């Protein structure tokens, strides 16, 4: 196993540690994320408050852990909803041309808007709460998955075994769900992992702009917003939520890249023995 593969194991372990810590922070720390203590406001990190306190005297460690849990829940919900809907749309568009003409034009219309602005508009109409944030982000990222699945399914549709199935009288639904679907799982997994990470980042941006998870529930975005006003006097209020975002997104993106490399053999590096043979051939030439 190469040193690169050894290094890649760090990121799943780090992601697992972040997830476990976010869900079991209340068992590690005795502080409540909503308890207000004006006498302890803006205390720097110490043995009592590991990440310090915020401007209401609340323990920042448990609030960051709860914020990570909220972000992971939102990202997972968006990935599942947009993945299922996008998969269905992509497969139907690949097989039925009239459906393709209609739904792909709708997707093109959604692509015309920047994802963050479109999410802000949808949340602004529905109201700032977690369920509406999940719905808005799912609508934003469904076209991304649908277009990738449609392209992969259209390639599979032209294969000889699909023509053989049609010649044998197999129904369209049987071909779509039993033969096209299993052959587009690899790009689907890669795209869903990307949506997972970018949904967390977009949710943080929405909360930072005041259109995401409403206070007092902590989110990585609204924790950064609260720390912005005291960034020069209470650095820990922006440092720890910012580090949580960086580590979370970095781990998810690197894991997603590894999934992409595993799904596409053409992206894998050649084994060393083949490289040595090619090098010897160049030297003899």
C-alpha atoms as a PDB file:
ATOM      1  CA  UNK A   1       0.000   0.000   0.000  1.00  0.00           C
ATOM      2  CA  UNK A   2       1.389   3.397  -0.968  1.00  0.00           C
ATOM      3  CA  UNK A   3       2.059   6.237   1.450  1.00  0.00           C
ATOM      4  CA  UNK A   4      -0.803   8.139  -0.169  1.00  0.00           C
ATOM      5  CA  UNK A   5      -3.267   5.389   0.768  1.00  0.00           C
ATOM      6  CA  UNK A   6      -1.864   5.351   4.307  1.00  0.00           C
ATOM      7  CA  UNK A   7      -2.471   9.103   4.507  1.00  0.00           C
ATOM      8  CA  UNK A   8      -6.034   8.794   3.226  1.00  0.00           C
ATOM      9  CA  UNK A   9      -7.008   6.698   6.249  1.00  0.00           C
ATOM     10  CA  UNK A  10      -6.503   9.783   8.422  1.00  0.00           C
ATOM     11  CA  UNK A  11      -9.534  11.559   6.993  1.00  0.00           C
ATOM     12  CA  UNK A  12     -12.207   8.868   7.588  1.00  0.00           C
ATOM     13  CA  UNK A  13     -10.844   8.476  11.130  1.00  0.00           C
ATOM     14  CA  UNK A  14     -10.967  12.257  11.633  1.00  0.00           C
ATOM     15  CA  UNK A  15     -14.513  12.435  10.260  1.00  0.00           C
ATOM     16  CA  UNK A  16     -15.619   9.562  12.504  1.00  0.00           C
ATOM     17  CA  UNK A  17     -14.039  11.305  15.513  1.00  0.00           C
ATOM     18  CA  UNK A  18     -15.867  14.561  14.697  1.00  0.00           C
ATOM     19  CA  UNK A  19     -19.193  12.735  14.341  1.00  0.00           C
ATOM     20  CA  UNK A  20     -18.746  10.810  17.602  1.00  0.00           C
ATOM     21  CA  UNK A  21     -17.660  13.934  19.463  1.00  0.00           C
ATOM     22  CA  UNK A  22     -20.622  15.934  18.172  1.00  0.00           C
ATOM     23  CA  UNK A  23     -23.156  13.323  19.290  1.00  0.00           C
ATOM     24  CA  UNK A  24     -21.571  12.522  22.664  1.00  0.00           C
ATOM     25  CA  UNK A  25     -20.356  15.986  23.712  1.00  0.00           C
ATOM     26  CA  UNK A  26     -23.093  16.226  26.336  1.00  0.00           C
ATOM     27  CA  UNK A  27     -21.727  13.069  27.973  1.00  0.00           C
ATOM     28  CA  UNK A  28     -18.185  14.480  27.966  1.00  0.00           C
ATOM     29  CA  UNK A  29     -19.064  17.965  29.207  1.00  0.00           C
ATOM     30  CA  UNK A  30     -21.589  18.832  31.904  1.00  0.00           C
ATOM     31  CA  UNK A  31     -22.476  22.210  30.404  1.00  0.00           C
ATOM     32  CA  UNK A  32     -25.802  22.871  28.715  1.00  0.00           C
ATOM     33  CA  UNK A  33     -25.516  24.627  25.329  1.00  0.00           C
ATOM     34  CA  UNK A  34     -28.408  26.976  26.189  1.00  0.00           C
ATOM     35  CA  UNK A  35     -27.492  27.914  29.805  1.00  0.00           C
ATOM     36  CA  UNK A  36     -26.801  31.650  30.059  1.00  0.00           C
ATOM     37  CA  UNK A  37     -24.268  32.885  32.631  1.00  0.00           C
ATOM     38  CA  UNK A  38     -23.638  36.656  32.311  1.00  0.00           C
ATOM     39  CA  UNK A  39     -20.807  36.492  34.876  1.00  0.00           C
ATOM     40  CA  UNK A  40     -18.865  34.081  32.648  1.00  0.00           C
ATOM     41  CA  UNK A  41     -19.309  35.861  29.321  1.00  0.00           C
ATOM     42  CA  UNK A  42     -16.367  35.950  26.883  1.00  0.00           C
ATOM     43  CA  UNK A  43     -14.047  33.846  29.017  1.00  0.00           C
ATOM     44  CA  UNK A  44     -11.034  32.466  27.133  1.00  0.00           C
ATOM     45  CA  UNK A  45     -10.443  28.694  26.868  1.00  0.00           C
ATOM     46  CA  UNK A  46      -9.405  27.078  30.164  1.00  0.00           C
ATOM     47  CA  UNK A  47      -9.805  23.807  32.052  1.00  0.00           C
ATOM     48  CA  UNK A  48     -13.466  24.613  32.833  1.00  0.00           C
ATOM     49  CA  UNK A  49     -14.563  25.848  29.408  1.00  0.00           C
ATOM     50  CA  UNK A  50     -12.366  24.077  26.829  1.00  0.00           C
ATOM     51  CA  UNK A  51     -13.345  26.390  23.959  1.00  0.00           C
ATOM     52  CA  UNK A  52     -14.148  29.403  26.153  1.00  0.00           C
ATOM     53  CA  UNK A  53     -17.573  31.037  26.460  1.00  0.00           C
ATOM     54  CA  UNK A  54     -19.625  33.223  24.134  1.00  0.00           C
ATOM     55  CA  UNK A  55     -21.115  36.654  24.699  1.00  0.00           C
ATOM     56  CA  UNK A  56     -23.938  35.157  26.812  1.00  0.00           C
ATOM     57  CA  UNK A  57     -21.638  33.023  28.971  1.00  0.00           C
ATOM     58  CA  UNK A  58     -22.610  29.767  27.253  1.00  0.00           C
ATOM     59  CA  UNK A  59     -19.998  27.025  26.926  1.00  0.00           C
ATOM     60  CA  UNK A  60     -18.612  27.163  23.400  1.00  0.00           C
ATOM     61  CA  UNK A  61     -17.414  23.545  23.282  1.00  0.00           C
ATOM     62  CA  UNK A  62     -20.877  22.030  23.612  1.00  0.00           C
ATOM     63  CA  UNK A  63     -22.330  24.670  21.285  1.00  0.00           C
ATOM     64  CA  UNK A  64     -19.769  23.893  18.575  1.00  0.00           C
ATOM     65  CA  UNK A  65     -20.417  20.163  19.026  1.00  0.00           C
ATOM     66  CA  UNK A  66     -24.182  20.723  18.719  1.00  0.00           C
ATOM     67  CA  UNK A  67     -23.608  22.978  15.692  1.00  0.00           C
ATOM     68  CA  UNK A  68     -21.571  20.234  13.993  1.00  0.00           C
ATOM     69  CA  UNK A  69     -24.390  17.790  14.718  1.00  0.00           C
ATOM     70  CA  UNK A  70     -26.914  20.176  13.147  1.00  0.00           C
ATOM     71  CA  UNK A  71     -24.693  20.695  10.097  1.00  0.00           C
ATOM     72  CA  UNK A  72     -24.163  16.951   9.638  1.00  0.00           C
ATOM     73  CA  UNK A  73     -27.904  16.321   9.964  1.00  0.00           C
ATOM     74  CA  UNK A  74     -28.732  19.000   7.399  1.00  0.00           C
ATOM     75  CA  UNK A  75     -26.027  17.772   5.004  1.00  0.00           C
ATOM     76  CA  UNK A  76     -27.136  14.139   5.307  1.00  0.00           C
ATOM     77  CA  UNK A  77     -30.809  15.025   4.786  1.00  0.00           C
ATOM     78  CA  UNK A  78     -30.001  17.140   1.729  1.00  0.00           C
ATOM     79  CA  UNK A  79     -27.773  14.392   0.293  1.00  0.00           C
ATOM     80  CA  UNK A  80     -30.488  11.740   0.733  1.00  0.00           C
ATOM     81  CA  UNK A  81     -33.378  13.843  -0.613  1.00  0.00           C
ATOM     82  CA  UNK A  82     -31.518  15.365  -3.553  1.00  0.00           C
ATOM     83  CA  UNK A  83     -29.869  12.001  -4.267  1.00  0.00           C
ATOM     84  CA  UNK A  84     -33.130  10.055  -4.472  1.00  0.00           C
ATOM     85  CA  UNK A  85     -34.980  12.724  -6.461  1.00  0.00           C
ATOM     86  CA  UNK A  86     -31.997  13.430  -8.717  1.00  0.00           C
ATOM     87  CA  UNK A  87     -31.482   9.721  -9.401  1.00  0.00           C
ATOM     88  CA  UNK A  88     -35.129   9.288 -10.396  1.00  0.00           C
ATOM     89  CA  UNK A  89     -35.123  12.391 -12.627  1.00  0.00           C
ATOM     90  CA  UNK A  90     -31.831  11.445 -14.280  1.00  0.00           C
ATOM     91  CA  UNK A  91     -32.954   7.895 -15.115  1.00  0.00           C
ATOM     92  CA  UNK A  92     -36.348   9.009 -16.441  1.00  0.00           C
ATOM     93  CA  UNK A  93     -34.777  11.740 -18.566  1.00  0.00           C
ATOM     94  CA  UNK A  94     -32.245   9.293 -20.020  1.00  0.00           C
ATOM     95  CA  UNK A  95     -34.968   6.886 -21.125  1.00  0.00           C
ATOM     96  CA  UNK A  96     -37.938   9.103 -22.057  1.00  0.00           C
ATOM     97  CA  UNK A  97     -37.143  11.905 -24.506  1.00  0.00           C
ATOM     98  CA  UNK A  98     -40.323  13.976 -23.846  1.00  0.00           C
ATOM     99  CA  UNK A  99     -39.630  13.887 -20.108  1.00  0.00           C
ATOM    100  CA  UNK A 100     -36.022  14.848 -20.814  1.00  0.00           C
ATOM    101  CA  UNK A 101     -37.032  17.930 -22.797  1.00  0.00           C
ATOM    102  CA  UNK A 102     -39.208  19.214 -19.965  1.00  0.00           C
ATOM    103  CA  UNK A 103     -37.235  18.342 -16.820  1.00  0.00           C
ATOM    104  CA  UNK A 104     -33.807  19.236 -18.219  1.00  0.00           C
ATOM    105  CA  UNK A 105     -35.094  22.685 -19.193  1.00  0.00           C
ATOM    106  CA  UNK A 106     -36.297  23.107 -15.598  1.00  0.00           C
ATOM    107  CA  UNK A 107     -32.852  22.057 -14.377  1.00  0.00           C
ATOM    108  CA  UNK A 108     -31.227  24.515 -16.780  1.00  0.00           C
ATOM    109  CA  UNK A 109     -33.414  27.253 -15.332  1.00  0.00           C
ATOM    110  CA  UNK A 110     -32.293  26.383 -11.803  1.00  0.00           C
ATOM    111  CA  UNK A 111     -28.667  26.328 -12.957  1.00  0.00           C
ATOM    112  CA  UNK A 112     -29.056  29.918 -14.120  1.00  0.00           C
ATOM    113  CA  UNK A 113     -29.144  31.109 -10.494  1.00  0.00           C
ATOM    114  CA  UNK A 114     -26.166  30.951  -8.113  1.00  0.00           C
ATOM    115  CA  UNK A 115     -26.836  28.199  -5.579  1.00  0.00           C
ATOM    116  CA  UNK A 116     -26.482  30.454  -2.530  1.00  0.00           C
ATOM    117  CA  UNK A 117     -28.800  33.145  -3.918  1.00  0.00           C
ATOM    118  CA  UNK A 118     -31.392  30.559  -4.929  1.00  0.00           C
ATOM    119  CA  UNK A 119     -31.269  28.986  -1.453  1.00  0.00           C
ATOM    120  CA  UNK A 120     -31.638  32.411   0.195  1.00  0.00           C
ATOM    121  CA  UNK A 121     -34.659  33.173  -1.999  1.00  0.00           C
ATOM    122  CA  UNK A 122     -36.381  29.871  -1.186  1.00  0.00           C
ATOM    123  CA  UNK A 123     -35.704  30.166   2.553  1.00  0.00           C
ATOM    124  CA  UNK A 124     -36.855  33.792   2.441  1.00  0.00           C
ATOM    125  CA  UNK A 125     -40.206  32.681   1.038  1.00  0.00           C
ATOM    126  CA  UNK A 126     -40.659  29.652   3.319  1.00  0.00           C
ATOM    127  CA  UNK A 127     -39.129  31.076   6.519  1.00  0.00           C
ATOM    128  CA  UNK A 128     -35.853  30.384   8.360  1.00  0.00           C
ATOM    129  CA  UNK A 129     -36.063  26.965  10.008  1.00  0.00           C
ATOM    130  CA  UNK A 130     -34.190  23.704   9.607  1.00  0.00           C
ATOM    131  CA  UNK A 131     -36.824  21.884   7.554  1.00  0.00           C
ATOM    132  CA  UNK A 132     -37.039  24.788   5.107  1.00  0.00           C
ATOM    133  CA  UNK A 133     -33.238  24.966   4.846  1.00  0.00           C
ATOM    134  CA  UNK A 134     -33.147  21.243   3.982  1.00  0.00           C
ATOM    135  CA  UNK A 135     -35.914  21.701   1.395  1.00  0.00           C
ATOM    136  CA  UNK A 136     -34.209  24.731  -0.166  1.00  0.00           C
ATOM    137  CA  UNK A 137     -30.803  23.075  -0.426  1.00  0.00           C
ATOM    138  CA  UNK A 138     -32.351  19.876  -1.799  1.00  0.00           C
ATOM    139  CA  UNK A 139     -34.051  21.855  -4.578  1.00  0.00           C
ATOM    140  CA  UNK A 140     -30.772  23.603  -5.332  1.00  0.00           C
ATOM    141  CA  UNK A 141     -28.702  20.413  -5.677  1.00  0.00           C
ATOM    142  CA  UNK A 142     -31.216  18.065  -7.335  1.00  0.00           C
ATOM    143  CA  UNK A 143     -30.277  19.335 -10.840  1.00  0.00           C
ATOM    144  CA  UNK A 144     -26.582  18.605 -10.204  1.00  0.00           C
ATOM    145  CA  UNK A 145     -27.242  14.955  -9.436  1.00  0.00           C
ATOM    146  CA  UNK A 146     -29.925  14.603 -12.118  1.00  0.00           C
ATOM    147  CA  UNK A 147     -27.623  15.831 -14.884  1.00  0.00           C
ATOM    148  CA  UNK A 148     -24.746  13.527 -13.871  1.00  0.00           C
ATOM    149  CA  UNK A 149     -27.036  10.475 -13.620  1.00  0.00           C
ATOM    150  CA  UNK A 150     -28.691  11.329 -16.939  1.00  0.00           C
ATOM    151  CA  UNK A 151     -25.321  11.469 -18.706  1.00  0.00           C
ATOM    152  CA  UNK A 152     -24.130   8.187 -17.213  1.00  0.00           C
ATOM    153  CA  UNK A 153     -27.457   6.456 -17.925  1.00  0.00           C
ATOM    154  CA  UNK A 154     -27.494   7.613 -21.559  1.00  0.00           C
ATOM    155  CA  UNK A 155     -24.096   5.961 -22.069  1.00  0.00           C
ATOM    156  CA  UNK A 156     -25.358   2.691 -20.550  1.00  0.00           C
ATOM    157  CA  UNK A 157     -28.554   2.937 -22.613  1.00  0.00           C
ATOM    158  CA  UNK A 158     -26.541   2.519 -25.840  1.00  0.00           C
ATOM    159  CA  UNK A 159     -24.862  -0.706 -24.698  1.00  0.00           C
ATOM    160  CA  UNK A 160     -25.589  -3.956 -26.496  1.00  0.00           C
ATOM    161  CA  UNK A 161     -27.104  -5.700 -23.486  1.00  0.00           C
ATOM    162  CA  UNK A 162     -29.761  -2.982 -23.220  1.00  0.00           C
ATOM    163  CA  UNK A 163     -30.647  -3.482 -26.882  1.00  0.00           C
ATOM    164  CA  UNK A 164     -30.852  -7.224 -26.220  1.00  0.00           C
ATOM    165  CA  UNK A 165     -33.214  -6.664 -23.311  1.00  0.00           C
ATOM    166  CA  UNK A 166     -35.444  -4.458 -25.433  1.00  0.00           C
ATOM    167  CA  UNK A 167     -35.463  -7.074 -28.196  1.00  0.00           C
ATOM    168  CA  UNK A 168     -36.555  -9.706 -25.679  1.00  0.00           C
ATOM    169  CA  UNK A 169     -39.527  -7.531 -24.703  1.00  0.00           C
ATOM    170  CA  UNK A 170     -38.343  -6.291 -21.315  1.00  0.00           C
ATOM    171  CA  UNK A 171     -40.445  -3.411 -20.033  1.00  0.00           C
ATOM    172  CA  UNK A 172     -39.033   0.097 -19.696  1.00  0.00           C
ATOM    173  CA  UNK A 173     -39.447   0.092 -15.912  1.00  0.00           C
ATOM    174  CA  UNK A 174     -37.578  -3.216 -15.616  1.00  0.00           C
ATOM    175  CA  UNK A 175     -34.671  -1.951 -17.710  1.00  0.00           C
ATOM    176  CA  UNK A 176     -34.489   1.380 -15.866  1.00  0.00           C
ATOM    177  CA  UNK A 177     -34.612   0.120 -12.278  1.00  0.00           C
ATOM    178  CA  UNK A 178     -32.903  -3.278 -12.661  1.00  0.00           C
ATOM    179  CA  UNK A 179     -30.256  -2.551 -15.285  1.00  0.00           C
ATOM    180  CA  UNK A 180     -29.630   1.176 -15.679  1.00  0.00           C
ATOM    181  CA  UNK A 181     -29.778   1.952 -11.958  1.00  0.00           C
ATOM    182  CA  UNK A 182     -27.060  -0.521 -10.816  1.00  0.00           C
ATOM    183  CA  UNK A 183     -24.700   0.758 -13.517  1.00  0.00           C
ATOM    184  CA  UNK A 184     -24.870   4.404 -12.405  1.00  0.00           C
ATOM    185  CA  UNK A 185     -24.279   3.759  -8.708  1.00  0.00           C
ATOM    186  CA  UNK A 186     -20.588   4.743  -8.855  1.00  0.00           C
ATOM    187  CA  UNK A 187     -21.080   8.305 -10.192  1.00  0.00           C
ATOM    188  CA  UNK A 188     -24.115   8.603  -7.931  1.00  0.00           C
ATOM    189  CA  UNK A 189     -22.075   7.895  -4.791  1.00  0.00           C
ATOM    190  CA  UNK A 190     -19.403  10.375  -5.833  1.00  0.00           C
ATOM    191  CA  UNK A 191     -21.943  13.098  -6.566  1.00  0.00           C
ATOM    192  CA  UNK A 192     -23.855  12.510  -3.315  1.00  0.00           C
ATOM    193  CA  UNK A 193     -20.637  12.785  -1.293  1.00  0.00           C
ATOM    194  CA  UNK A 194     -19.961  16.123  -2.998  1.00  0.00           C
ATOM    195  CA  UNK A 195     -23.497  17.334  -2.264  1.00  0.00           C
ATOM    196  CA  UNK A 196     -23.078  16.295   1.383  1.00  0.00           C
ATOM    197  CA  UNK A 197     -20.028  18.527   1.852  1.00  0.00           C
ATOM    198  CA  UNK A 198     -21.244  21.487  -0.193  1.00  0.00           C
ATOM    199  CA  UNK A 199     -24.634  21.425   1.564  1.00  0.00           C
ATOM    200  CA  UNK A 200     -22.878  21.783   4.937  1.00  0.00           C
ATOM    201  CA  UNK A 201     -20.893  24.728   3.600  1.00  0.00           C
ATOM    202  CA  UNK A 202     -23.972  26.381   2.063  1.00  0.00           C
ATOM    203  CA  UNK A 203     -25.980  25.891   5.262  1.00  0.00           C
ATOM    204  CA  UNK A 204     -23.185  27.601   7.211  1.00  0.00           C
ATOM    205  CA  UNK A 205     -23.237  30.489   4.725  1.00  0.00           C
ATOM    206  CA  UNK A 206     -27.027  30.778   5.015  1.00  0.00           C
ATOM    207  CA  UNK A 207     -26.850  30.834   8.814  1.00  0.00           C
ATOM    208  CA  UNK A 208     -24.051  33.408   8.724  1.00  0.00           C
ATOM    209  CA  UNK A 209     -26.260  35.632   6.552  1.00  0.00           C
ATOM    210  CA  UNK A 210     -29.229  35.149   8.908  1.00  0.00           C
ATOM    211  CA  UNK A 211     -31.293  32.960   6.568  1.00  0.00           C
ATOM    212  CA  UNK A 212     -30.409  29.537   7.941  1.00  0.00           C
ATOM    213  CA  UNK A 213     -30.826  27.817  11.290  1.00  0.00           C
ATOM    214  CA  UNK A 214     -32.536  30.302  13.635  1.00  0.00           C
ATOM    215  CA  UNK A 215     -31.108  31.222  17.044  1.00  0.00           C
ATOM    216  CA  UNK A 216     -30.782  30.101  19.789  1.00  0.00           C
ATOM    217  CA  UNK A 217     -30.055  26.734  18.122  1.00  0.00           C
ATOM    218  CA  UNK A 218     -26.341  26.789  17.293  1.00  0.00           C
ATOM    219  CA  UNK A 219     -25.079  26.398  13.770  1.00  0.00           C
ATOM    220  CA  UNK A 220     -21.526  26.787  12.557  1.00  0.00           C
ATOM    221  CA  UNK A 221     -22.670  29.758  10.498  1.00  0.00           C
ATOM    222  CA  UNK A 222     -24.502  31.652  13.248  1.00  0.00           C
ATOM    223  CA  UNK A 223     -21.661  30.922  15.698  1.00  0.00           C
ATOM    224  CA  UNK A 224     -19.337  32.694  13.269  1.00  0.00           C
ATOM    225  CA  UNK A 225     -21.851  35.507  12.988  1.00  0.00           C
ATOM    226  CA  UNK A 226     -21.940  35.927  16.779  1.00  0.00           C
ATOM    227  CA  UNK A 227     -18.144  35.903  16.951  1.00  0.00           C
ATOM    228  CA  UNK A 228     -17.724  38.460  14.163  1.00  0.00           C
ATOM    229  CA  UNK A 229     -18.615  41.364  16.460  1.00  0.00           C
ATOM    230  CA  UNK A 230     -15.946  40.408  19.023  1.00  0.00           C
ATOM    231  CA  UNK A 231     -13.343  38.873  16.717  1.00  0.00           C
ATOM    232  CA  UNK A 232     -10.527  41.098  18.071  1.00  0.00           C
ATOM    233  CA  UNK A 233     -11.348  40.629  21.765  1.00  0.00           C
ATOM    234  CA  UNK A 234     -12.681  37.030  21.798  1.00  0.00           C
ATOM    235  CA  UNK A 235     -10.822  35.193  19.024  1.00  0.00           C
ATOM    236  CA  UNK A 236     -12.044  31.785  20.198  1.00  0.00           C
ATOM    237  CA  UNK A 237     -15.625  32.546  19.143  1.00  0.00           C
ATOM    238  CA  UNK A 238     -14.631  32.474  15.468  1.00  0.00           C
ATOM    239  CA  UNK A 239     -11.563  30.244  15.655  1.00  0.00           C
ATOM    240  CA  UNK A 240     -13.187  27.021  16.885  1.00  0.00           C
ATOM    241  CA  UNK A 241     -16.321  27.142  14.641  1.00  0.00           C
ATOM    242  CA  UNK A 242     -14.055  28.039  11.703  1.00  0.00           C
ATOM    243  CA  UNK A 243     -11.713  25.118  12.408  1.00  0.00           C
ATOM    244  CA  UNK A 244     -14.732  22.804  12.671  1.00  0.00           C
ATOM    245  CA  UNK A 245     -15.949  23.907   9.224  1.00  0.00           C
ATOM    246  CA  UNK A 246     -12.494  23.536   7.657  1.00  0.00           C
ATOM    247  CA  UNK A 247     -11.871  20.044   9.068  1.00  0.00           C
ATOM    248  CA  UNK A 248     -15.381  18.837   8.259  1.00  0.00           C
ATOM    249  CA  UNK A 249     -15.384  20.047   4.647  1.00  0.00           C
ATOM    250  CA  UNK A 250     -11.776  18.983   4.051  1.00  0.00           C
ATOM    251  CA  UNK A 251     -12.428  15.462   5.345  1.00  0.00           C
ATOM    252  CA  UNK A 252     -15.599  15.065   3.275  1.00  0.00           C
ATOM    253  CA  UNK A 253     -13.964  16.397   0.100  1.00  0.00           C
ATOM    254  CA  UNK A 254     -10.901  14.164   0.402  1.00  0.00           C
ATOM    255  CA  UNK A 255     -13.094  11.126   1.078  1.00  0.00           C
ATOM    256  CA  UNK A 256     -15.219  12.094  -1.937  1.00  0.00           C
ATOM    257  CA  UNK A 257     -12.105  12.376  -4.122  1.00  0.00           C
ATOM    258  CA  UNK A 258     -11.001   8.935  -2.963  1.00  0.00           C
ATOM    259  CA  UNK A 259     -14.425   7.531  -3.842  1.00  0.00           C
ATOM    260  CA  UNK A 260     -14.127   9.103  -7.285  1.00  0.00           C
ATOM    261  CA  UNK A 261     -10.696   7.541  -7.800  1.00  0.00           C
ATOM    262  CA  UNK A 262     -12.028   4.161  -6.688  1.00  0.00           C
ATOM    263  CA  UNK A 263     -15.048   4.419  -8.982  1.00  0.00           C
ATOM    264  CA  UNK A 264     -12.998   5.409 -12.058  1.00  0.00           C
ATOM    265  CA  UNK A 265     -10.097   3.000 -12.740  1.00  0.00           C
ATOM    266  CA  UNK A 266      -8.686   5.440 -15.287  1.00  0.00           C
ATOM    267  CA  UNK A 267      -7.829   7.866 -12.482  1.00  0.00           C
ATOM    268  CA  UNK A 268      -5.839   5.322 -10.468  1.00  0.00           C
ATOM    269  CA  UNK A 269      -2.044   5.548 -10.656  1.00  0.00           C
ATOM    270  CA  UNK A 270      -0.266   2.750 -12.489  1.00  0.00           C
ATOM    271  CA  UNK A 271       1.365   0.055 -10.324  1.00  0.00           C
ATOM    272  CA  UNK A 272       5.079   0.446  -9.758  1.00  0.00           C
ATOM    273  CA  UNK A 273       5.975  -2.716 -11.677  1.00  0.00           C
ATOM    274  CA  UNK A 274       4.246  -1.351 -14.803  1.00  0.00           C
ATOM    275  CA  UNK A 275       5.972   2.000 -14.402  1.00  0.00           C
ATOM    276  CA  UNK A 276       9.333   0.213 -14.122  1.00  0.00           C
ATOM    277  CA  UNK A 277       8.625  -1.748 -17.309  1.00  0.00           C
ATOM    278  CA  UNK A 278       7.649   1.417 -19.160  1.00  0.00           C
ATOM    279  CA  UNK A 279      10.806   3.109 -17.940  1.00  0.00           C
ATOM    280  CA  UNK A 280      12.981   0.177 -19.067  1.00  0.00           C
ATOM    281  CA  UNK A 281      11.244   0.239 -22.442  1.00  0.00           C
ATOM    282  CA  UNK A 282      12.015   3.955 -22.848  1.00  0.00           C
ATOM    283  CA  UNK A 283      15.659   3.335 -21.966  1.00  0.00           C
ATOM    284  CA  UNK A 284      15.978   0.464 -24.465  1.00  0.00           C
ATOM    285  CA  UNK A 285      14.284   2.560 -27.091  1.00  0.00           C
END
